[in-house]
C-alpha cells in the first residue's frame, strides 16, 4: 500500500505525483491517504492524475483513509465519482 507524506498540496504536488506514479508502475493500487494533514486543491489534481495514469495501465486505484478535507474538495469539484474511495 502506498502512503504519501503528511502533505499533498501545491508545494509538493509534482514530487507526490511522481512518487505515486512510481508506486503504480511497481504494481501498487491501494493508496492510504490517512496520514495527510495538509491538503489543497492540488491533492485533487494529483489523485485524478494517479487514476488516469493507472487506467492507462489497466489498473484502478483504491483510495483508503481519505481525509474529510479532500472528500469535501472532491465533492465541490464534482469529481468524487471518478475515483474509487474505499469505505472504512
Protein backbone atom coordinates (compact mmCIF):
# COMPACT_ATOMS: atom_id res chain seq x y z
CA UNK A 1 0.00 0.00 0.00
CA UNK A 2 1.33 3.42 -0.94
CA UNK A 3 1.11 6.18 1.67
CA UNK A 4 2.09 9.76 0.77
CA UNK A 5 3.70 12.08 3.29
CA UNK A 6 1.69 14.36 5.56
CA UNK A 7 1.24 17.00 2.87
CA UNK A 8 -0.32 16.89 -0.57
CA UNK A 9 -0.50 20.46 -1.79
CA UNK A 10 0.83 22.84 -4.41
CA UNK A 11 4.16 22.84 -2.55
CA UNK A 12 4.87 19.17 -3.24
CA UNK A 13 2.38 18.16 -5.93
CA UNK A 14 4.96 17.32 -8.60
CA UNK A 15 7.05 15.17 -6.28
CA UNK A 16 3.94 13.49 -4.84
CA UNK A 17 2.57 12.78 -8.31
CA UNK A 18 5.86 11.21 -9.39
CA UNK A 19 6.16 9.09 -6.24
CA UNK A 20 2.60 7.83 -6.68
CA UNK A 21 3.26 7.01 -10.33
CA UNK A 22 6.34 5.02 -9.35
CA UNK A 23 4.15 3.05 -6.94
CA UNK A 24 1.56 2.39 -9.66
CA UNK A 25 4.23 1.21 -12.10
CA UNK A 26 5.51 -1.09 -9.35
CA UNK A 27 2.04 -2.65 -9.16
CA UNK A 28 0.64 -0.87 -6.11
CA UNK A 29 -3.03 0.08 -6.48
CA UNK A 30 -4.00 0.71 -2.84
CA UNK A 31 -3.30 4.26 -1.64
CA UNK A 32 -3.66 5.18 2.05
CA UNK A 33 -4.24 8.91 2.50
CA UNK A 34 -4.96 8.79 6.23
CA UNK A 35 -1.67 10.45 7.22
CA UNK A 36 -2.34 13.60 5.17
CA UNK A 37 -2.58 16.67 7.39
CA UNK A 38 -2.12 19.47 4.84
CA UNK A 39 -4.02 19.42 1.55
CA UNK A 40 -5.32 21.85 -1.02
CA UNK A 41 -6.90 21.60 -4.46
CA UNK A 42 -3.63 20.22 -5.87
CA UNK A 43 -4.42 16.99 -3.99
CA UNK A 44 -7.49 16.51 -6.19
CA UNK A 45 -5.43 17.05 -9.33
CA UNK A 46 -2.78 14.58 -8.18
CA UNK A 47 -5.37 11.94 -7.29
CA UNK A 48 -7.06 12.30 -10.67
CA UNK A 49 -3.68 12.10 -12.38
CA UNK A 50 -2.82 8.91 -10.49
CA UNK A 51 -6.14 7.36 -11.51
CA UNK A 52 -5.79 8.41 -15.14
CA UNK A 53 -2.27 7.02 -15.39
CA UNK A 54 -3.28 3.80 -13.62
CA UNK A 55 -6.14 3.46 -16.11
CA UNK A 56 -3.66 3.60 -18.96
CA UNK A 57 -2.04 0.54 -17.38
CA UNK A 58 -5.39 -1.21 -16.97
CA UNK A 59 -5.48 -0.62 -13.22
CA UNK A 60 -7.78 1.17 -10.79
CA UNK A 61 -6.54 2.95 -7.68
CA UNK A 62 -8.43 2.37 -4.42
CA UNK A 63 -8.06 5.32 -2.07
CA UNK A 64 -8.26 4.49 1.64
CA UNK A 65 -8.44 6.82 4.64
CA UNK A 66 -9.42 9.85 2.58
CA UNK A 67 -9.49 12.87 4.92
CA UNK A 68 -12.73 14.83 5.07
CA UNK A 69 -10.91 17.86 3.68
CA UNK A 70 -10.15 16.01 0.45
CA UNK A 71 -13.60 14.43 0.33
CA UNK A 72 -15.08 17.93 0.54
CA UNK A 73 -12.90 19.17 -2.31
CA UNK A 74 -13.79 16.15 -4.45
CA UNK A 75 -17.50 16.85 -3.87
CA UNK A 76 -17.07 20.58 -4.50
CA UNK A 77 -15.43 19.93 -7.88
CA UNK A 78 -17.93 17.18 -8.74
CA UNK A 79 -15.28 14.51 -9.31
CA UNK A 80 -15.95 12.09 -6.44
CA UNK A 81 -17.46 9.54 -8.82
CA UNK A 82 -14.30 9.46 -10.91
CA UNK A 83 -12.27 7.94 -8.07
CA UNK A 84 -12.68 4.72 -6.13
CA UNK A 85 -12.89 5.82 -2.49
CA UNK A 86 -12.78 2.75 -0.26
CA UNK A 87 -15.12 2.88 2.72
CA UNK A 88 -13.60 2.25 6.15
